[in-house]
Amino acid sequence: MTIKNFEELEVWQIARDLCVLVRRLTRNPEFSKDFRFCSQINSSSGSVMDNIAEGFERDGNKEFIQFLYVAKASSAETRSQSYRAHDAGFISLEEHLEVLKKTESLKYKIQGLIQTLKNSGGKGYK
């Protein structure tokens, strides 16, 4: 199966779901008052899906892999920020666990895609 668009990638779809979840959580009135933190967690979650998309559109597997590593790191950043949000009382334990579940899934699926690309024999110039 050939994937023609980044929107077809399961990892991008999960990253998008994470972004939607984080946006919903930051609309909590107490959370939304902490503008800097809201901006930070929304940026890190958005970075996951954006780096997957940008890497997909590059000229080769090496660059795509590089962007996937950035996406994976941004997912870990969102995961860490979820602990901060929970510790501050901005999100419930259930909401926190939902973020952890999505970021954990992304960690393994992004790593799996990286391995697949590394083993595929290289595509493109970069």
PDB file of N, CA and C in Angstrom:
ATOM      1  N   MET A   1       0.840  -1.188   0.000  1.00  0.00           N
ATOM      2  CA  MET A   1       0.000   0.000   0.000  1.00  0.00           C
ATOM      3  C   MET A   1       0.883   1.249   0.000  1.00  0.00           C
ATOM      4  N   THR A   2       0.642   2.125  -0.932  1.00  0.00           N
ATOM      5  CA  THR A   2       1.389   3.369  -1.017  1.00  0.00           C
ATOM      6  C   THR A   2       0.565   4.491  -0.388  1.00  0.00           C
ATOM      7  N   ILE A   3       1.205   5.228   0.497  1.00  0.00           N
ATOM      8  CA  ILE A   3       0.544   6.369   1.136  1.00  0.00           C
ATOM      9  C   ILE A   3       0.906   7.612   0.342  1.00  0.00           C
ATOM     10  N   LYS A   4      -0.107   8.341  -0.108  1.00  0.00           N
ATOM     11  CA  LYS A   4       0.118   9.500  -0.971  1.00  0.00           C
ATOM     12  C   LYS A   4       0.054  10.818  -0.226  1.00  0.00           C
ATOM     13  N   ASN A   5      -0.611  10.839   0.913  1.00  0.00           N
ATOM     14  CA  ASN A   5      -0.789  12.063   1.678  1.00  0.00           C
ATOM     15  C   ASN A   5      -0.537  11.790   3.156  1.00  0.00           C
ATOM     16  N   PHE A   6       0.018  12.781   3.855  1.00  0.00           N
ATOM     17  CA  PHE A   6       0.309  12.584   5.273  1.00  0.00           C
ATOM     18  C   PHE A   6      -0.956  12.325   6.081  1.00  0.00           C
ATOM     19  N   GLU A   7      -2.100  12.817   5.602  1.00  0.00           N
ATOM     20  CA  GLU A   7      -3.360  12.596   6.321  1.00  0.00           C
ATOM     21  C   GLU A   7      -3.725  11.123   6.406  1.00  0.00           C
ATOM     22  N   GLU A   8      -3.157  10.308   5.537  1.00  0.00           N
ATOM     23  CA  GLU A   8      -3.419   8.874   5.555  1.00  0.00           C
ATOM     24  C   GLU A   8      -2.619   8.147   6.637  1.00  0.00           C
ATOM     25  N   LEU A   9      -1.599   8.782   7.164  1.00  0.00           N
ATOM     26  CA  LEU A   9      -0.743   8.146   8.164  1.00  0.00           C
ATOM     27  C   LEU A   9      -1.466   8.042   9.515  1.00  0.00           C
ATOM     28  N   GLU A  10      -1.491   6.849  10.063  1.00  0.00           N
ATOM     29  CA  GLU A  10      -2.130   6.648  11.361  1.00  0.00           C
ATOM     30  C   GLU A  10      -1.492   7.518  12.443  1.00  0.00           C
ATOM     31  N   VAL A  11      -0.170   7.668  12.407  1.00  0.00           N
ATOM     32  CA  VAL A  11       0.502   8.485  13.427  1.00  0.00           C
ATOM     33  C   VAL A  11       0.053   9.943  13.344  1.00  0.00           C
ATOM     34  N   TRP A  12      -0.160  10.447  12.139  1.00  0.00           N
ATOM     35  CA  TRP A  12      -0.638  11.827  12.001  1.00  0.00           C
ATOM     36  C   TRP A  12      -2.063  11.946  12.537  1.00  0.00           C
ATOM     37  N   GLN A  13      -2.903  10.942  12.268  1.00  0.00           N
ATOM     38  CA  GLN A  13      -4.288  10.958  12.743  1.00  0.00           C
ATOM     39  C   GLN A  13      -4.347  10.944  14.281  1.00  0.00           C
ATOM     40  N   ILE A  14      -3.498  10.150  14.909  1.00  0.00           N
ATOM     41  CA  ILE A  14      -3.448  10.108  16.375  1.00  0.00           C
ATOM     42  C   ILE A  14      -2.925  11.434  16.918  1.00  0.00           C
ATOM     43  N   ALA A  15      -1.920  11.993  16.250  1.00  0.00           N
ATOM     44  CA  ALA A  15      -1.374  13.289  16.663  1.00  0.00           C
ATOM     45  C   ALA A  15      -2.446  14.374  16.552  1.00  0.00           C
ATOM     46  N   ARG A  16      -3.251  14.310  15.537  1.00  0.00           N
ATOM     47  CA  ARG A  16      -4.354  15.269  15.392  1.00  0.00           C
ATOM     48  C   ARG A  16      -5.345  15.105  16.542  1.00  0.00           C
ATOM     49  N   ASP A  17      -5.673  13.869  16.870  1.00  0.00           N
ATOM     50  CA  ASP A  17      -6.570  13.606  18.010  1.00  0.00           C
ATOM     51  C   ASP A  17      -6.001  14.183  19.302  1.00  0.00           C
ATOM     52  N   LEU A  18      -4.685  14.025  19.483  1.00  0.00           N
ATOM     53  CA  LEU A  18      -4.031  14.579  20.669  1.00  0.00           C
ATOM     54  C   LEU A  18      -4.186  16.095  20.692  1.00  0.00           C
ATOM     55  N   CYS A  19      -3.993  16.726  19.557  1.00  0.00           N
ATOM     56  CA  CYS A  19      -4.121  18.182  19.443  1.00  0.00           C
ATOM     57  C   CYS A  19      -5.532  18.643  19.822  1.00  0.00           C
ATOM     58  N   VAL A  20      -6.531  17.946  19.321  1.00  0.00           N
ATOM     59  CA  VAL A  20      -7.926  18.277  19.625  1.00  0.00           C
ATOM     60  C   VAL A  20      -8.185  18.109  21.125  1.00  0.00           C
ATOM     61  N   LEU A  21      -7.685  17.033  21.694  1.00  0.00           N
ATOM     62  CA  LEU A  21      -7.848  16.782  23.132  1.00  0.00           C
ATOM     63  C   LEU A  21      -7.212  17.890  23.959  1.00  0.00           C
ATOM     64  N   VAL A  22      -5.979  18.222  23.642  1.00  0.00           N
ATOM     65  CA  VAL A  22      -5.271  19.259  24.399  1.00  0.00           C
ATOM     66  C   VAL A  22      -5.996  20.600  24.277  1.00  0.00           C
ATOM     67  N   ARG A  23      -6.442  20.934  23.090  1.00  0.00           N
ATOM     68  CA  ARG A  23      -7.174  22.199  22.892  1.00  0.00           C
ATOM     69  C   ARG A  23      -8.424  22.220  23.773  1.00  0.00           C
ATOM     70  N   ARG A  24      -9.141  21.094  23.823  1.00  0.00           N
ATOM     71  CA  ARG A  24     -10.345  21.017  24.657  1.00  0.00           C
ATOM     72  C   ARG A  24      -9.987  21.190  26.134  1.00  0.00           C
ATOM     73  N   LEU A  25      -8.928  20.532  26.577  1.00  0.00           N
ATOM     74  CA  LEU A  25      -8.534  20.609  27.985  1.00  0.00           C
ATOM     75  C   LEU A  25      -8.108  22.020  28.381  1.00  0.00           C
ATOM     76  N   THR A  26      -7.446  22.723  27.479  1.00  0.00           N
ATOM     77  CA  THR A  26      -6.966  24.068  27.816  1.00  0.00           C
ATOM     78  C   THR A  26      -8.089  25.095  27.819  1.00  0.00           C
ATOM     79  N   ARG A  27      -9.265  24.695  27.414  1.00  0.00           N
ATOM     80  CA  ARG A  27     -10.424  25.597  27.484  1.00  0.00           C
ATOM     81  C   ARG A  27     -11.052  25.591  28.879  1.00  0.00           C
ATOM     82  N   ASN A  28     -10.600  24.691  29.747  1.00  0.00           N
ATOM     83  CA  ASN A  28     -11.036  24.690  31.145  1.00  0.00           C
ATOM     84  C   ASN A  28     -10.747  26.082  31.703  1.00  0.00           C
ATOM     85  N   PRO A  29     -11.739  26.719  32.344  1.00  0.00           N
ATOM     86  CA  PRO A  29     -11.545  28.108  32.795  1.00  0.00           C
ATOM     87  C   PRO A  29     -10.284  28.332  33.641  1.00  0.00           C
ATOM     88  N   GLU A  30      -9.994  27.437  34.570  1.00  0.00           N
ATOM     89  CA  GLU A  30      -8.795  27.615  35.399  1.00  0.00           C
ATOM     90  C   GLU A  30      -7.529  27.472  34.569  1.00  0.00           C
ATOM     91  N   PHE A  31      -7.517  26.487  33.693  1.00  0.00           N
ATOM     92  CA  PHE A  31      -6.353  26.242  32.837  1.00  0.00           C
ATOM     93  C   PHE A  31      -6.146  27.429  31.894  1.00  0.00           C
ATOM     94  N   SER A  32      -7.219  27.914  31.308  1.00  0.00           N
ATOM     95  CA  SER A  32      -7.100  28.966  30.295  1.00  0.00           C
ATOM     96  C   SER A  32      -6.554  30.275  30.858  1.00  0.00           C
ATOM     97  N   LYS A  33      -6.620  30.450  32.170  1.00  0.00           N
ATOM     98  CA  LYS A  33      -6.062  31.663  32.786  1.00  0.00           C
ATOM     99  C   LYS A  33      -4.536  31.673  32.766  1.00  0.00           C
ATOM    100  N   ASP A  34      -3.930  30.494  32.662  1.00  0.00           N
ATOM    101  CA  ASP A  34      -2.471  30.394  32.586  1.00  0.00           C
ATOM    102  C   ASP A  34      -2.076  30.425  31.104  1.00  0.00           C
ATOM    103  N   PHE A  35      -2.068  31.631  30.551  1.00  0.00           N
ATOM    104  CA  PHE A  35      -1.882  31.809  29.103  1.00  0.00           C
ATOM    105  C   PHE A  35      -0.593  31.179  28.589  1.00  0.00           C
ATOM    106  N   ARG A  36       0.484  31.380  29.319  1.00  0.00           N
ATOM    107  CA  ARG A  36       1.780  30.865  28.860  1.00  0.00           C
ATOM    108  C   ARG A  36       1.779  29.336  28.798  1.00  0.00           C
ATOM    109  N   PHE A  37       1.250  28.715  29.837  1.00  0.00           N
ATOM    110  CA  PHE A  37       1.205  27.250  29.877  1.00  0.00           C
ATOM    111  C   PHE A  37       0.269  26.717  28.790  1.00  0.00           C
ATOM    112  N   CYS A  38      -0.886  27.355  28.606  1.00  0.00           N
ATOM    113  CA  CYS A  38      -1.813  26.929  27.546  1.00  0.00           C
ATOM    114  C   CYS A  38      -1.130  26.993  26.182  1.00  0.00           C
ATOM    115  N   SER A  39      -0.438  28.085  25.953  1.00  0.00           N
ATOM    116  CA  SER A  39       0.266  28.241  24.684  1.00  0.00           C
ATOM    117  C   SER A  39       1.330  27.161  24.512  1.00  0.00           C
ATOM    118  N   GLN A  40       2.048  26.876  25.588  1.00  0.00           N
ATOM    119  CA  GLN A  40       3.136  25.905  25.538  1.00  0.00           C
ATOM    120  C   GLN A  40       2.626  24.497  25.226  1.00  0.00           C
ATOM    121  N   ILE A  41       1.577  24.052  25.907  1.00  0.00           N
ATOM    122  CA  ILE A  41       1.085  22.684  25.690  1.00  0.00           C
ATOM    123  C   ILE A  41       0.373  22.571  24.336  1.00  0.00           C
ATOM    124  N   ASN A  42      -0.311  23.629  23.916  1.00  0.00           N
ATOM    125  CA  ASN A  42      -0.921  23.608  22.587  1.00  0.00           C
ATOM    126  C   ASN A  42       0.141  23.588  21.494  1.00  0.00           C
ATOM    127  N   SER A  43       1.230  24.307  21.712  1.00  0.00           N
ATOM    128  CA  SER A  43       2.329  24.314  20.732  1.00  0.00           C
ATOM    129  C   SER A  43       3.005  22.959  20.637  1.00  0.00           C
ATOM    130  N   SER A  44       3.264  22.332  21.777  1.00  0.00           N
ATOM    131  CA  SER A  44       3.957  21.035  21.733  1.00  0.00           C
ATOM    132  C   SER A  44       3.080  19.966  21.099  1.00  0.00           C
ATOM    133  N   SER A  45       1.789  19.963  21.410  1.00  0.00           N
ATOM    134  CA  SER A  45       0.915  18.955  20.797  1.00  0.00           C
ATOM    135  C   SER A  45       0.761  19.221  19.298  1.00  0.00           C
ATOM    136  N   GLY A  46       0.675  20.488  18.905  1.00  0.00           N
ATOM    137  CA  GLY A  46       0.591  20.820  17.481  1.00  0.00           C
ATOM    138  C   GLY A  46       1.858  20.474  16.730  1.00  0.00           C
ATOM    139  N   SER A  47       2.984  20.583  17.412  1.00  0.00           N
ATOM    140  CA  SER A  47       4.264  20.259  16.809  1.00  0.00           C
ATOM    141  C   SER A  47       4.341  18.794  16.382  1.00  0.00           C
ATOM    142  N   VAL A  48       3.651  17.923  17.092  1.00  0.00           N
ATOM    143  CA  VAL A  48       3.679  16.491  16.759  1.00  0.00           C
ATOM    144  C   VAL A  48       3.107  16.300  15.358  1.00  0.00           C
ATOM    145  N   MET A  49       1.883  16.758  15.156  1.00  0.00           N
ATOM    146  CA  MET A  49       1.247  16.542  13.854  1.00  0.00           C
ATOM    147  C   MET A  49       1.920  17.350  12.750  1.00  0.00           C
ATOM    148  N   ASP A  50       2.369  18.557  13.073  1.00  0.00           N
ATOM    149  CA  ASP A  50       2.995  19.397  12.055  1.00  0.00           C
ATOM    150  C   ASP A  50       4.332  18.832  11.577  1.00  0.00           C
ATOM    151  N   ASN A  51       5.119  18.280  12.486  1.00  0.00           N
ATOM    152  CA  ASN A  51       6.404  17.699  12.081  1.00  0.00           C
ATOM    153  C   ASN A  51       6.227  16.413  11.290  1.00  0.00           C
ATOM    154  N   ILE A  52       5.209  15.642  11.610  1.00  0.00           N
ATOM    155  CA  ILE A  52       4.916  14.450  10.807  1.00  0.00           C
ATOM    156  C   ILE A  52       4.557  14.884   9.382  1.00  0.00           C
ATOM    157  N   ALA A  53       3.706  15.888   9.268  1.00  0.00           N
ATOM    158  CA  ALA A  53       3.289  16.382   7.947  1.00  0.00           C
ATOM    159  C   ALA A  53       4.468  16.962   7.173  1.00  0.00           C
ATOM    160  N   GLU A  54       5.239  17.807   7.833  1.00  0.00           N
ATOM    161  CA  GLU A  54       6.371  18.440   7.148  1.00  0.00           C
ATOM    162  C   GLU A  54       7.398  17.405   6.704  1.00  0.00           C
ATOM    163  N   GLY A  55       7.703  16.458   7.568  1.00  0.00           N
ATOM    164  CA  GLY A  55       8.657  15.421   7.214  1.00  0.00           C
ATOM    165  C   GLY A  55       8.189  14.569   6.047  1.00  0.00           C
ATOM    166  N   PHE A  56       6.890  14.271   6.017  1.00  0.00           N
ATOM    167  CA  PHE A  56       6.334  13.470   4.928  1.00  0.00           C
ATOM    168  C   PHE A  56       6.532  14.164   3.586  1.00  0.00           C
ATOM    169  N   GLU A  57       6.442  15.483   3.581  1.00  0.00           N
ATOM    170  CA  GLU A  57       6.532  16.242   2.336  1.00  0.00           C
ATOM    171  C   GLU A  57       7.974  16.511   1.901  1.00  0.00           C
ATOM    172  N   ARG A  58       8.956  16.081   2.658  1.00  0.00           N
ATOM    173  CA  ARG A  58      10.361  16.268   2.296  1.00  0.00           C
ATOM    174  C   ARG A  58      10.763  15.306   1.191  1.00  0.00           C
ATOM    175  N   ASP A  59      12.003  15.450   0.725  1.00  0.00           N
ATOM    176  CA  ASP A  59      12.457  14.695  -0.437  1.00  0.00           C
ATOM    177  C   ASP A  59      12.951  13.285  -0.157  1.00  0.00           C
ATOM    178  N   GLY A  60      13.009  12.875   1.084  1.00  0.00           N
ATOM    179  CA  GLY A  60      13.522  11.533   1.303  1.00  0.00           C
ATOM    180  C   GLY A  60      13.310  11.035   2.713  1.00  0.00           C
ATOM    181  N   ASN A  61      13.593   9.761   2.877  1.00  0.00           N
ATOM    182  CA  ASN A  61      13.385   9.109   4.160  1.00  0.00           C
ATOM    183  C   ASN A  61      14.248   9.689   5.274  1.00  0.00           C
ATOM    184  N   LYS A  62      15.481  10.079   4.947  1.00  0.00           N
ATOM    185  CA  LYS A  62      16.361  10.599   6.000  1.00  0.00           C
ATOM    186  C   LYS A  62      15.772  11.849   6.636  1.00  0.00           C
ATOM    187  N   GLU A  63      15.288  12.758   5.819  1.00  0.00           N
ATOM    188  CA  GLU A  63      14.666  13.969   6.366  1.00  0.00           C
ATOM    189  C   GLU A  63      13.367  13.643   7.082  1.00  0.00           C
ATOM    190  N   PHE A  64      12.580  12.741   6.525  1.00  0.00           N
ATOM    191  CA  PHE A  64      11.331  12.345   7.164  1.00  0.00           C
ATOM    192  C   PHE A  64      11.627  11.782   8.554  1.00  0.00           C
ATOM    193  N   ILE A  65      12.627  10.932   8.636  1.00  0.00           N
ATOM    194  CA  ILE A  65      13.016  10.345   9.922  1.00  0.00           C
ATOM    195  C   ILE A  65      13.419  11.432  10.913  1.00  0.00           C
ATOM    196  N   GLN A  66      14.179  12.405  10.444  1.00  0.00           N
ATOM    197  CA  GLN A  66      14.597  13.515  11.309  1.00  0.00           C
ATOM    198  C   GLN A  66      13.370  14.232  11.887  1.00  0.00           C
ATOM    199  N   PHE A  67      12.386  14.510  11.046  1.00  0.00           N
ATOM    200  CA  PHE A  67      11.176  15.190  11.510  1.00  0.00           C
ATOM    201  C   PHE A  67      10.354  14.287  12.428  1.00  0.00           C
ATOM    202  N   LEU A  68      10.378  12.986  12.182  1.00  0.00           N
ATOM    203  CA  LEU A  68       9.662  12.062  13.069  1.00  0.00           C
ATOM    204  C   LEU A  68      10.276  12.060  14.471  1.00  0.00           C
ATOM    205  N   TYR A  69      11.596  12.168  14.552  1.00  0.00           N
ATOM    206  CA  TYR A  69      12.240  12.260  15.868  1.00  0.00           C
ATOM    207  C   TYR A  69      11.805  13.529  16.602  1.00  0.00           C
ATOM    208  N   VAL A  70      11.670  14.624  15.868  1.00  0.00           N
ATOM    209  CA  VAL A  70      11.197  15.875  16.485  1.00  0.00           C
ATOM    210  C   VAL A  70       9.750  15.691  16.956  1.00  0.00           C
ATOM    211  N   ALA A  71       8.926  15.054  16.132  1.00  0.00           N
ATOM    212  CA  ALA A  71       7.529  14.795  16.507  1.00  0.00           C
ATOM    213  C   ALA A  71       7.456  13.934  17.767  1.00  0.00           C
ATOM    214  N   LYS A  72       8.295  12.923  17.830  1.00  0.00           N
ATOM    215  CA  LYS A  72       8.324  12.035  18.995  1.00  0.00           C
ATOM    216  C   LYS A  72       8.717  12.814  20.253  1.00  0.00           C
ATOM    217  N   ALA A  73       9.697  13.687  20.123  1.00  0.00           N
ATOM    218  CA  ALA A  73      10.131  14.509  21.256  1.00  0.00           C
ATOM    219  C   ALA A  73       9.027  15.475  21.683  1.00  0.00           C
ATOM    220  N   SER A  74       8.308  16.044  20.732  1.00  0.00           N
ATOM    221  CA  SER A  74       7.205  16.948  21.061  1.00  0.00           C
ATOM    222  C   SER A  74       6.078  16.206  21.772  1.00  0.00           C
ATOM    223  N   SER A  75       5.861  14.963  21.395  1.00  0.00           N
ATOM    224  CA  SER A  75       4.872  14.142  22.087  1.00  0.00           C
ATOM    225  C   SER A  75       5.290  13.917  23.543  1.00  0.00           C
ATOM    226  N   ALA A  76       6.578  13.672  23.758  1.00  0.00           N
ATOM    227  CA  ALA A  76       7.086  13.502  25.132  1.00  0.00           C
ATOM    228  C   ALA A  76       6.937  14.803  25.914  1.00  0.00           C
ATOM    229  N   GLU A  77       7.149  15.936  25.255  1.00  0.00           N
ATOM    230  CA  GLU A  77       6.981  17.235  25.911  1.00  0.00           C
ATOM    231  C   GLU A  77       5.521  17.419  26.341  1.00  0.00           C
ATOM    232  N   THR A  78       4.591  17.077  25.460  1.00  0.00           N
ATOM    233  CA  THR A  78       3.169  17.172  25.794  1.00  0.00           C
ATOM    234  C   THR A  78       2.836  16.247  26.962  1.00  0.00           C
ATOM    235  N   ARG A  79       3.416  15.063  26.948  1.00  0.00           N
ATOM    236  CA  ARG A  79       3.204  14.094  28.034  1.00  0.00           C
ATOM    237  C   ARG A  79       3.661  14.686  29.367  1.00  0.00           C
ATOM    238  N   SER A  80       4.839  15.272  29.387  1.00  0.00           N
ATOM    239  CA  SER A  80       5.367  15.881  30.602  1.00  0.00           C
ATOM    240  C   SER A  80       4.480  17.044  31.056  1.00  0.00           C
ATOM    241  N   GLN A  81       4.049  17.850  30.110  1.00  0.00           N
ATOM    242  CA  GLN A  81       3.193  18.985  30.443  1.00  0.00           C
ATOM    243  C   GLN A  81       1.845  18.531  31.000  1.00  0.00           C
ATOM    244  N   SER A  82       1.396  17.359  30.572  1.00  0.00           N
ATOM    245  CA  SER A  82       0.155  16.813  31.116  1.00  0.00           C
ATOM    246  C   SER A  82       0.295  16.540  32.615  1.00  0.00           C
ATOM    247  N   TYR A  83       1.459  16.056  33.020  1.00  0.00           N
ATOM    248  CA  TYR A  83       1.709  15.866  34.458  1.00  0.00           C
ATOM    249  C   TYR A  83       1.626  17.205  35.181  1.00  0.00           C
ATOM    250  N   ARG A  84       2.230  18.233  34.594  1.00  0.00           N
ATOM    251  CA  ARG A  84       2.183  19.567  35.209  1.00  0.00           C
ATOM    252  C   ARG A  84       0.754  20.065  35.325  1.00  0.00           C
ATOM    253  N   ALA A  85      -0.034  19.854  34.260  1.00  0.00           N
ATOM    254  CA  ALA A  85      -1.428  20.307  34.264  1.00  0.00           C
ATOM    255  C   ALA A  85      -2.235  19.567  35.325  1.00  0.00           C
ATOM    256  N   HIS A  86      -2.004  18.285  35.441  1.00  0.00           N
ATOM    257  CA  HIS A  86      -2.709  17.499  36.463  1.00  0.00           C
ATOM    258  C   HIS A  86      -2.268  17.926  37.866  1.00  0.00           C
ATOM    259  N   ASP A  87      -0.970  18.074  38.055  1.00  0.00           N
ATOM    260  CA  ASP A  87      -0.452  18.479  39.373  1.00  0.00           C
ATOM    261  C   ASP A  87      -0.975  19.850  39.790  1.00  0.00           C
ATOM    262  N   ALA A  88      -1.219  20.719  38.818  1.00  0.00           N
ATOM    263  CA  ALA A  88      -1.728  22.057  39.110  1.00  0.00           C
ATOM    264  C   ALA A  88      -3.247  22.067  39.317  1.00  0.00           C
ATOM    265  N   GLY A  89      -3.880  20.930  39.079  1.00  0.00           N
ATOM    266  CA  GLY A  89      -5.330  20.847  39.232  1.00  0.00           C
ATOM    267  C   GLY A  89      -6.100  21.368  38.029  1.00  0.00           C
ATOM    268  N   PHE A  90      -5.413  21.554  36.903  1.00  0.00           N
ATOM    269  CA  PHE A  90      -6.065  22.057  35.694  1.00  0.00           C
ATOM    270  C   PHE A  90      -6.846  20.974  34.960  1.00  0.00           C
ATOM    271  N   ILE A  91      -6.397  19.719  35.083  1.00  0.00           N
ATOM    272  CA  ILE A  91      -7.089  18.604  34.429  1.00  0.00           C
ATOM    273  C   ILE A  91      -7.276  17.480  35.442  1.00  0.00           C
ATOM    274  N   SER A  92      -8.299  16.687  35.221  1.00  0.00           N
ATOM    275  CA  SER A  92      -8.599  15.557  36.108  1.00  0.00           C
ATOM    276  C   SER A  92      -7.646  14.398  35.836  1.00  0.00           C
ATOM    277  N   LEU A  93      -7.664  13.436  36.724  1.00  0.00           N
ATOM    278  CA  LEU A  93      -6.851  12.231  36.525  1.00  0.00           C
ATOM    279  C   LEU A  93      -7.264  11.522  35.239  1.00  0.00           C
ATOM    280  N   GLU A  94      -8.553  11.450  34.981  1.00  0.00           N
ATOM    281  CA  GLU A  94      -9.050  10.784  33.768  1.00  0.00           C
ATOM    282  C   GLU A  94      -8.548  11.491  32.517  1.00  0.00           C
ATOM    283  N   GLU A  95      -8.573  12.816  32.531  1.00  0.00           N
ATOM    284  CA  GLU A  95      -8.083  13.583  31.379  1.00  0.00           C
ATOM    285  C   GLU A  95      -6.583  13.403  31.203  1.00  0.00           C
ATOM    286  N   HIS A  96      -5.880  13.413  32.309  1.00  0.00           N
ATOM    287  CA  HIS A  96      -4.432  13.191  32.282  1.00  0.00           C
ATOM    288  C   HIS A  96      -4.114  11.814  31.683  1.00  0.00           C
ATOM    289  N   LEU A  97      -4.840  10.803  32.126  1.00  0.00           N
ATOM    290  CA  LEU A  97      -4.611   9.448  31.623  1.00  0.00           C
ATOM    291  C   LEU A  97      -4.924   9.350  30.130  1.00  0.00           C
ATOM    292  N   GLU A  98      -5.890  10.125  29.666  1.00  0.00           N
ATOM    293  CA  GLU A  98      -6.217  10.142  28.241  1.00  0.00           C
ATOM    294  C   GLU A  98      -5.047  10.713  27.426  1.00  0.00           C
ATOM    295  N   VAL A  99      -4.431  11.777  27.929  1.00  0.00           N
ATOM    296  CA  VAL A  99      -3.259  12.345  27.265  1.00  0.00           C
ATOM    297  C   VAL A  99      -2.113  11.330  27.281  1.00  0.00           C
ATOM    298  N   LEU A 100      -1.895  10.698  28.429  1.00  0.00           N
ATOM    299  CA  LEU A 100      -0.814   9.709  28.528  1.00  0.00           C
ATOM    300  C   LEU A 100      -1.029   8.557  27.549  1.00  0.00           C
ATOM    301  N   LYS A 101      -2.251   8.104  27.405  1.00  0.00           N
ATOM    302  CA  LYS A 101      -2.560   7.004  26.485  1.00  0.00           C
ATOM    303  C   LYS A 101      -2.225   7.396  25.036  1.00  0.00           C
ATOM    304  N   LYS A 102      -2.608   8.597  24.644  1.00  0.00           N
ATOM    305  CA  LYS A 102      -2.333   9.040  23.267  1.00  0.00           C
ATOM    306  C   LYS A 102      -0.834   9.247  23.030  1.00  0.00           C
ATOM    307  N   THR A 103      -0.145   9.850  23.997  1.00  0.00           N
ATOM    308  CA  THR A 103       1.291  10.094  23.813  1.00  0.00           C
ATOM    309  C   THR A 103       2.080   8.790  23.847  1.00  0.00           C
ATOM    310  N   GLU A 104       1.634   7.843  24.646  1.00  0.00           N
ATOM    311  CA  GLU A 104       2.295   6.531  24.683  1.00  0.00           C
ATOM    312  C   GLU A 104       2.118   5.816  23.343  1.00  0.00           C
ATOM    313  N   SER A 105       0.914   5.870  22.818  1.00  0.00           N
ATOM    314  CA  SER A 105       0.646   5.267  21.513  1.00  0.00           C
ATOM    315  C   SER A 105       1.509   5.922  20.435  1.00  0.00           C
ATOM    316  N   LEU A 106       1.595   7.246  20.463  1.00  0.00           N
ATOM    317  CA  LEU A 106       2.411   7.961  19.481  1.00  0.00           C
ATOM    318  C   LEU A 106       3.878   7.579  19.581  1.00  0.00           C
ATOM    319  N   LYS A 107       4.372   7.449  20.802  1.00  0.00           N
ATOM    320  CA  LYS A 107       5.780   7.092  20.990  1.00  0.00           C
ATOM    321  C   LYS A 107       6.110   5.800  20.243  1.00  0.00           C
ATOM    322  N   TYR A 108       5.295   4.787  20.426  1.00  0.00           N
ATOM    323  CA  TYR A 108       5.574   3.491  19.801  1.00  0.00           C
ATOM    324  C   TYR A 108       5.289   3.493  18.299  1.00  0.00           C
ATOM    325  N   LYS A 109       4.245   4.162  17.883  1.00  0.00           N
ATOM    326  CA  LYS A 109       3.911   4.166  16.464  1.00  0.00           C
ATOM    327  C   LYS A 109       4.903   5.006  15.655  1.00  0.00           C
ATOM    328  N   ILE A 110       5.342   6.130  16.214  1.00  0.00           N
ATOM    329  CA  ILE A 110       6.352   6.933  15.522  1.00  0.00           C
ATOM    330  C   ILE A 110       7.656   6.154  15.429  1.00  0.00           C
ATOM    331  N   GLN A 111       8.052   5.508  16.517  1.00  0.00           N
ATOM    332  CA  GLN A 111       9.278   4.710  16.492  1.00  0.00           C
ATOM    333  C   GLN A 111       9.165   3.574  15.476  1.00  0.00           C
ATOM    334  N   GLY A 112       7.997   2.961  15.391  1.00  0.00           N
ATOM    335  CA  GLY A 112       7.777   1.901  14.404  1.00  0.00           C
ATOM    336  C   GLY A 112       7.900   2.419  12.979  1.00  0.00           C
ATOM    337  N   LEU A 113       7.357   3.608  12.730  1.00  0.00           N
ATOM    338  CA  LEU A 113       7.467   4.199  11.396  1.00  0.00           C
ATOM    339  C   LEU A 113       8.919   4.538  11.080  1.00  0.00           C
ATOM    340  N   ILE A 114       9.648   5.039  12.064  1.00  0.00           N
ATOM    341  CA  ILE A 114      11.076   5.329  11.873  1.00  0.00           C
ATOM    342  C   ILE A 114      11.813   4.058  11.465  1.00  0.00           C
ATOM    343  N   GLN A 115      11.566   2.965  12.172  1.00  0.00           N
ATOM    344  CA  GLN A 115      12.228   1.693  11.864  1.00  0.00           C
ATOM    345  C   GLN A 115      11.858   1.204  10.469  1.00  0.00           C
ATOM    346  N   THR A 116      10.593   1.331  10.115  1.00  0.00           N
ATOM    347  CA  THR A 116      10.154   0.924   8.778  1.00  0.00           C
ATOM    348  C   THR A 116      10.882   1.722   7.705  1.00  0.00           C
ATOM    349  N   LEU A 117      10.979   3.039   7.912  1.00  0.00           N
ATOM    350  CA  LEU A 117      11.673   3.880   6.932  1.00  0.00           C
ATOM    351  C   LEU A 117      13.157   3.552   6.861  1.00  0.00           C
ATOM    352  N   LYS A 118      13.778   3.287   8.003  1.00  0.00           N
ATOM    353  CA  LYS A 118      15.200   2.940   8.017  1.00  0.00           C
ATOM    354  C   LYS A 118      15.455   1.632   7.274  1.00  0.00           C
ATOM    355  N   ASN A 119      14.525   0.719   7.345  1.00  0.00           N
ATOM    356  CA  ASN A 119      14.696  -0.596   6.733  1.00  0.00           C
ATOM    357  C   ASN A 119      14.198  -0.662   5.295  1.00  0.00           C
ATOM    358  N   SER A 120      13.686   0.454   4.769  1.00  0.00           N
ATOM    359  CA  SER A 120      13.066   0.428   3.452  1.00  0.00           C
ATOM    360  C   SER A 120      14.034   0.627   2.287  1.00  0.00           C
ATOM    361  N   GLY A 121      15.295   0.888   2.616  1.00  0.00           N
ATOM    362  CA  GLY A 121      16.256   1.054   1.527  1.00  0.00           C
ATOM    363  C   GLY A 121      16.423   2.481   1.037  1.00  0.00           C
ATOM    364  N   GLY A 122      15.853   3.416   1.724  1.00  0.00           N
ATOM    365  CA  GLY A 122      16.078   4.820   1.392  1.00  0.00           C
ATOM    366  C   GLY A 122      15.343   5.289   0.170  1.00  0.00           C
ATOM    367  N   LYS A 123      14.747   6.445   0.291  1.00  0.00           N
ATOM    368  CA  LYS A 123      14.016   7.056  -0.816  1.00  0.00           C
ATOM    369  C   LYS A 123      14.460   8.503  -0.924  1.00  0.00           C
ATOM    370  N   GLY A 124      14.652   8.985  -2.121  1.00  0.00           N
ATOM    371  CA  GLY A 124      14.976  10.384  -2.321  1.00  0.00           C
ATOM    372  C   GLY A 124      16.437  10.685  -2.109  1.00  0.00           C
ATOM    373  N   TYR A 125      16.735  11.968  -2.089  1.00  0.00           N
ATOM    374  CA  TYR A 125      18.111  12.417  -2.009  1.00  0.00           C
ATOM    375  C   TYR A 125      18.562  12.765  -0.596  1.00  0.00           C
ATOM    376  N   LYS A 126      17.637  13.108   0.268  1.00  0.00           N
ATOM    377  CA  LYS A 126      18.011  13.598   1.592  1.00  0.00           C
ATOM    378  C   LYS A 126      17.587  12.626   2.669  1.00  0.00           C
TER     379      LYS A 126
END
